[in-house]
Protein backbone atom coordinates (compact mmCIF):
# COMPACT_ATOMS: atom_id res chain seq x y z
CA MET A 1 31.81 12.45 15.05
CA THR A 2 35.12 14.24 14.94
CA ASN A 3 36.33 12.51 11.75
CA GLU A 4 33.29 13.17 9.56
CA ARG A 5 31.42 16.14 8.23
CA ARG A 6 28.87 17.40 10.68
CA LEU A 7 25.36 18.08 9.46
CA ARG A 8 22.77 20.35 11.02
CA PRO A 9 19.02 19.60 11.02
CA VAL A 10 18.61 22.24 8.30
CA ASP A 11 21.13 20.41 6.10
CA LEU A 12 19.11 17.19 6.27
CA ALA A 13 15.88 19.13 5.84
CA ARG A 14 17.13 20.65 2.59
CA LEU A 15 18.28 17.25 1.38
CA ALA A 16 14.83 15.72 1.85
CA GLY A 17 12.76 18.80 1.07
CA VAL A 18 11.11 18.83 4.51
CA SER A 19 11.12 21.16 7.51
CA THR A 20 13.76 21.06 10.24
CA GLN A 21 10.99 20.12 12.66
CA GLN A 22 10.24 17.06 10.52
CA ILE A 23 13.87 15.99 10.86
CA ARG A 24 13.55 16.26 14.65
CA ASN A 25 10.33 14.28 14.44
CA TYR A 26 12.09 11.58 12.43
CA GLU A 27 14.73 11.20 15.12
CA ASP A 28 12.13 11.15 17.90
CA ALA A 29 10.15 8.49 16.00
CA GLY A 30 13.19 6.26 15.56
CA VAL A 31 13.37 6.77 11.80
CA LEU A 32 16.85 8.25 12.27
CA PRO A 33 19.43 6.93 14.72
CA PRO A 34 20.01 9.06 17.84
CA ALA A 35 21.95 12.24 17.12
CA ALA A 36 24.91 13.49 19.10
CA ARG A 37 24.48 16.78 20.95
CA THR A 38 26.70 19.78 21.39
CA ALA A 39 27.45 21.14 24.86
CA SER A 40 24.56 23.55 24.40
CA GLY A 41 22.17 20.75 23.44
CA TYR A 42 22.01 21.23 19.65
CA ARG A 43 21.62 18.10 17.54
CA VAL A 44 24.58 17.11 15.40
CA PHE A 45 24.01 14.70 12.53
CA GLY A 46 26.47 12.86 10.34
CA GLU A 47 26.74 10.69 7.24
CA VAL A 48 24.91 7.81 8.92
CA HIS A 49 21.90 10.07 9.49
CA ARG A 50 22.02 11.28 5.90
CA ALA A 51 22.01 7.67 4.69
CA ALA A 52 19.18 6.77 7.06
CA LEU A 53 17.10 9.71 5.84
CA LEU A 54 17.63 8.78 2.18
CA ALA A 55 16.79 5.15 2.94
CA TYR A 56 13.59 6.08 4.72
CA ARG A 57 12.41 8.54 2.08
CA THR A 58 13.11 5.97 -0.66
CA LEU A 59 11.45 3.16 1.28
CA MET A 60 8.32 5.30 1.64
CA ARG A 61 7.76 5.32 -2.12
CA GLY A 62 7.44 1.56 -2.37
CA TYR A 63 6.53 0.34 1.10
CA GLY A 64 4.46 3.27 2.32
CA PRO A 65 5.21 5.54 5.30
CA MET A 66 3.96 3.17 8.01
CA LYS A 67 5.93 0.15 6.82
CA ALA A 68 9.02 2.28 6.13
CA THR A 69 8.85 3.61 9.69
CA GLU A 70 8.55 0.09 11.10
CA ILE A 71 11.59 -1.04 9.13
CA MET A 72 13.78 1.85 10.27
CA ARG A 73 12.64 1.55 13.89
CA SER A 74 13.52 -2.14 13.90
CA LEU A 75 17.02 -1.34 12.67
CA HIS A 76 17.55 1.34 15.29
CA ASP A 77 16.25 -0.98 18.00
CA GLY A 78 19.03 -3.38 17.01
CA ASP A 79 16.63 -5.83 15.35
CA ASP A 80 18.15 -6.15 11.87
CA ARG A 81 16.46 -9.51 11.36
CA GLY A 82 13.06 -8.03 12.18
CA ALA A 83 13.60 -5.25 9.65
CA LEU A 84 14.45 -7.74 6.92
CA VAL A 85 11.41 -9.85 7.82
CA LEU A 86 9.25 -6.76 7.23
CA VAL A 87 10.92 -6.21 3.85
CA ASP A 88 10.40 -9.83 2.85
CA ALA A 89 6.76 -9.75 3.95
CA ALA A 90 6.08 -6.66 1.85
CA HIS A 91 7.53 -8.31 -1.26
CA ALA A 92 5.54 -11.47 -0.57
CA ALA A 93 2.35 -9.41 -0.24
CA LEU A 94 3.05 -7.73 -3.56
CA HIS A 95 3.50 -11.14 -5.18
CA GLU A 96 0.17 -12.27 -3.74
CA GLU A 97 -1.47 -9.18 -5.22
CA ARG A 98 -0.09 -10.14 -8.63
CA VAL A 99 -1.43 -13.67 -8.27
CA SER A 100 -4.78 -12.32 -7.14
CA LEU A 101 -4.89 -9.91 -10.07
CA ARG A 102 -4.22 -12.71 -12.54
CA ALA A 103 -6.97 -14.86 -11.02
CA ALA A 104 -9.37 -11.92 -10.90
CA SER A 105 -8.64 -11.09 -14.54
CA GLU A 106 -9.46 -14.62 -15.64
CA ALA A 107 -12.62 -14.75 -13.52
CA LEU A 108 -13.82 -11.36 -14.70
CA GLU A 109 -13.27 -12.22 -18.36
CA LEU A 110 -15.46 -15.29 -17.90
CA LEU A 111 -18.16 -13.29 -16.12
CA ALA A 112 -18.07 -10.51 -18.69
CA ALA A 113 -18.25 -12.90 -21.63
CA GLN A 114 -21.31 -14.76 -20.37
CA PRO A 115 -24.86 -13.41 -20.37
CA PRO A 116 -26.40 -12.95 -16.91
CA ALA A 117 -27.24 -16.38 -15.51
CA PRO A 118 -30.92 -17.07 -14.79
CA LEU A 119 -31.90 -17.02 -11.14
CA LEU A 120 -33.09 -20.06 -9.22
CA ARG A 121 -36.60 -18.59 -9.09
CA SER A 122 -38.49 -15.93 -10.98
CA GLY A 123 -39.25 -12.52 -9.55
CA GLY A 124 -35.70 -11.62 -8.61
CA LEU A 125 -33.75 -12.05 -5.38
CA ARG A 126 -33.89 -10.08 -2.15
CA ILE A 127 -30.78 -8.39 -0.79
CA GLY A 128 -30.21 -11.08 1.86
CA GLU A 129 -30.31 -13.81 -0.78
CA VAL A 130 -27.75 -12.01 -2.95
CA ALA A 131 -25.50 -11.41 0.04
CA SER A 132 -25.64 -15.11 0.92
CA LEU A 133 -24.97 -16.07 -2.71
CA LEU A 134 -21.81 -13.91 -2.85
CA GLY A 135 -20.68 -14.48 0.73
CA VAL A 136 -20.83 -10.79 1.70
CA ARG A 137 -22.84 -8.73 4.16
CA THR A 138 -25.98 -6.92 3.11
CA SER A 139 -24.29 -3.71 4.25
CA ALA A 140 -21.66 -4.19 1.52
CA LEU A 141 -24.37 -4.37 -1.14
CA ARG A 142 -25.94 -1.19 0.23
CA VAL A 143 -22.58 0.62 0.16
CA TRP A 144 -22.03 -0.46 -3.45
CA GLU A 145 -25.49 0.80 -4.32
CA GLU A 146 -24.84 4.15 -2.60
CA ALA A 147 -21.63 4.44 -4.64
CA GLY A 148 -23.67 4.04 -7.84
CA LEU A 149 -22.26 0.62 -8.73
CA LEU A 150 -25.52 -1.28 -8.31
CA ALA A 151 -29.06 -0.24 -9.12
CA PRO A 152 -31.50 -2.98 -8.13
CA GLY A 153 -35.19 -2.42 -8.73
CA ARG A 154 -37.74 -2.02 -5.95
CA GLU A 155 -40.71 -4.21 -5.24
CA ARG A 156 -43.95 -2.34 -5.68
CA GLY A 157 -45.76 -1.82 -2.43
CA THR A 158 -43.01 -3.00 -0.04
CA GLY A 159 -40.09 -1.08 -1.52
CA TYR A 160 -37.80 -4.08 -1.03
CA ARG A 161 -34.80 -4.33 -3.33
CA VAL A 162 -35.18 -6.85 -6.13
CA TYR A 163 -32.04 -8.14 -7.86
CA GLU A 164 -32.54 -9.37 -11.43
CA PRO A 165 -29.92 -11.57 -13.21
CA ALA A 166 -28.00 -8.54 -14.52
CA ASP A 167 -27.93 -7.02 -11.02
CA VAL A 168 -26.51 -10.24 -9.56
CA ARG A 169 -23.87 -10.36 -12.31
CA ASP A 170 -22.88 -6.76 -11.52
CA ALA A 171 -22.68 -7.57 -7.81
CA ARG A 172 -20.39 -10.52 -8.59
CA LEU A 173 -18.12 -8.26 -10.63
CA VAL A 174 -17.96 -5.63 -7.90
CA HIS A 175 -17.19 -8.29 -5.29
CA THR A 176 -14.39 -9.78 -7.40
CA LEU A 177 -12.84 -6.40 -8.15
CA ARG A 178 -13.06 -5.21 -4.54
CA ARG A 179 -11.19 -8.32 -3.40
CA SER A 180 -8.45 -7.32 -5.84
CA HIS A 181 -8.22 -3.85 -4.22
CA TYR A 182 -9.98 -1.88 -6.96
CA LEU A 183 -11.48 1.46 -5.96
CA PHE A 184 -15.08 2.40 -6.70
CA ASP A 185 -13.96 4.93 -9.35
CA GLN A 186 -12.05 2.15 -11.10
CA ILE A 187 -14.98 -0.27 -10.97
CA ARG A 188 -17.62 2.15 -12.28
CA PRO A 189 -16.33 2.35 -15.89
CA VAL A 190 -16.01 -1.45 -15.97
CA LEU A 191 -19.69 -1.85 -15.16
CA GLU A 192 -20.70 0.94 -17.53
CA GLY A 193 -18.78 -0.76 -20.33
CA LEU A 194 -20.47 -4.10 -19.70
CA ARG A 195 -23.89 -2.48 -19.66
CA ARG A 196 -23.18 -0.91 -23.03
CA GLU A 197 -23.48 -3.79 -25.48
CA GLY A 198 -21.64 -6.14 -23.14
CA SER A 199 -18.26 -4.48 -23.83
CA SER A 200 -15.36 -5.72 -21.71
CA GLU A 201 -12.80 -3.18 -22.96
CA ALA A 202 -13.10 -1.13 -19.78
CA LEU A 203 -12.49 -4.30 -17.80
CA ARG A 204 -9.28 -5.06 -19.69
CA ALA A 205 -8.16 -1.44 -19.29
CA ALA A 206 -8.78 -1.55 -15.54
CA VAL A 207 -6.85 -4.81 -15.15
CA ALA A 208 -3.98 -3.45 -17.24
CA ALA A 209 -3.86 -0.24 -15.17
CA ARG A 210 -3.78 -2.26 -11.97
CA GLY A 211 -0.92 -4.35 -13.36
CA GLU A 212 1.04 -1.21 -14.27
CA ALA A 213 0.51 0.17 -10.76
CA LEU A 214 1.88 -3.04 -9.25
CA THR A 215 4.90 -2.89 -11.57
CA ALA A 216 5.58 0.72 -10.56
CA ARG A 217 5.36 -0.24 -6.89
CA SER A 218 7.70 -3.17 -7.47
CA ARG A 219 10.28 -0.84 -9.00
CA ALA A 220 9.91 1.56 -6.09
CA MET A 221 10.38 -1.30 -3.62
CA ILE A 222 13.57 -2.37 -5.38
CA GLY A 223 14.84 1.20 -5.08
CA GLY A 224 13.92 1.24 -1.40
CA ALA A 225 15.72 -2.04 -0.78
CA ALA A 226 18.83 -0.68 -2.52
CA ALA A 227 18.77 2.48 -0.38
CA LEU A 228 18.29 0.35 2.73
CA HIS A 229 21.31 -1.77 1.78
CA ALA A 230 23.39 1.38 1.30
CA TYR A 231 22.35 2.61 4.74
CA LEU A 232 23.25 -0.71 6.36
CA GLU A 233 26.70 -0.47 4.78
CA VAL A 234 27.25 3.07 6.09
CA SER A 235 25.92 2.12 9.54
CA ALA A 236 28.16 -0.95 9.75
CA SER A 237 31.17 1.09 8.65
CA GLU A 238 30.56 3.73 11.33
CA THR A 239 30.05 1.06 14.00
CA THR A 240 33.32 -0.60 13.04
CA ALA A 241 35.17 2.71 13.02
CA GLY A 242 33.75 3.62 16.44
CA ALA A 243 34.76 0.28 17.91
CA THR A 244 38.29 0.59 16.52
CA ALA A 245 38.70 4.09 17.89
CA GLY A 246 37.27 3.07 21.22
CA GLY A 247 35.29 6.26 21.40
CA PRO A 248 31.71 6.67 22.63
CA GLY A 249 28.80 6.29 20.23
CA PRO A 250 26.31 9.04 19.43
CA SER A 251 24.61 10.54 22.46
CA ALA A 252 20.88 9.89 22.75
CA ARG A 253 20.33 12.88 25.02
């Protein structure tokens, strides 16, 4: 590292807005490449570490901290292909979420536009029958009820839950939205809107908000990929320079 500007842990910490201990943790976790050490054991970082830090912090915004860590560790383990596979998989998963959102939007519009379908028999359905109808566990229906999304009636005398047509429709909506990664707080206004005069405006707003969130994540992932590319360029340049000079690489001590 004699031909480049040396950076201390505090320099990188200021760059990322984190503590110096976090920088040490990043190196220990494999997020940063191994740092060289002075004779007294102090870490010495360089431009390649700065680029790695920027790449990681940018990757976090789009890929999340766990996936960003996996990507950087793969690179520093010498598995460039594995790192790129992780990047590709994340983009593919985002695409699948978009496809799922489109399908969910179409299905929900149909459900919202139709009046509750009559049940196969009068008197309502029990919780096990609704669970079987939707392909979910009874525990899921209970969780949705505890969250205030469902409110089935109770059978007089036994206290068993009784799901009327509107309750089954609501359960279908919750199930469809949960499969599309909606949170309970996002689902609640959708149901409230449908219960008020059958309005589906809240549904459209929720779908639109989900689409905007996916777009924002897509932009963040593009930024992360660009920062990763910049880091790979810096890393390759340093490797080439080290090989030409014939000097030792950074110490991992």
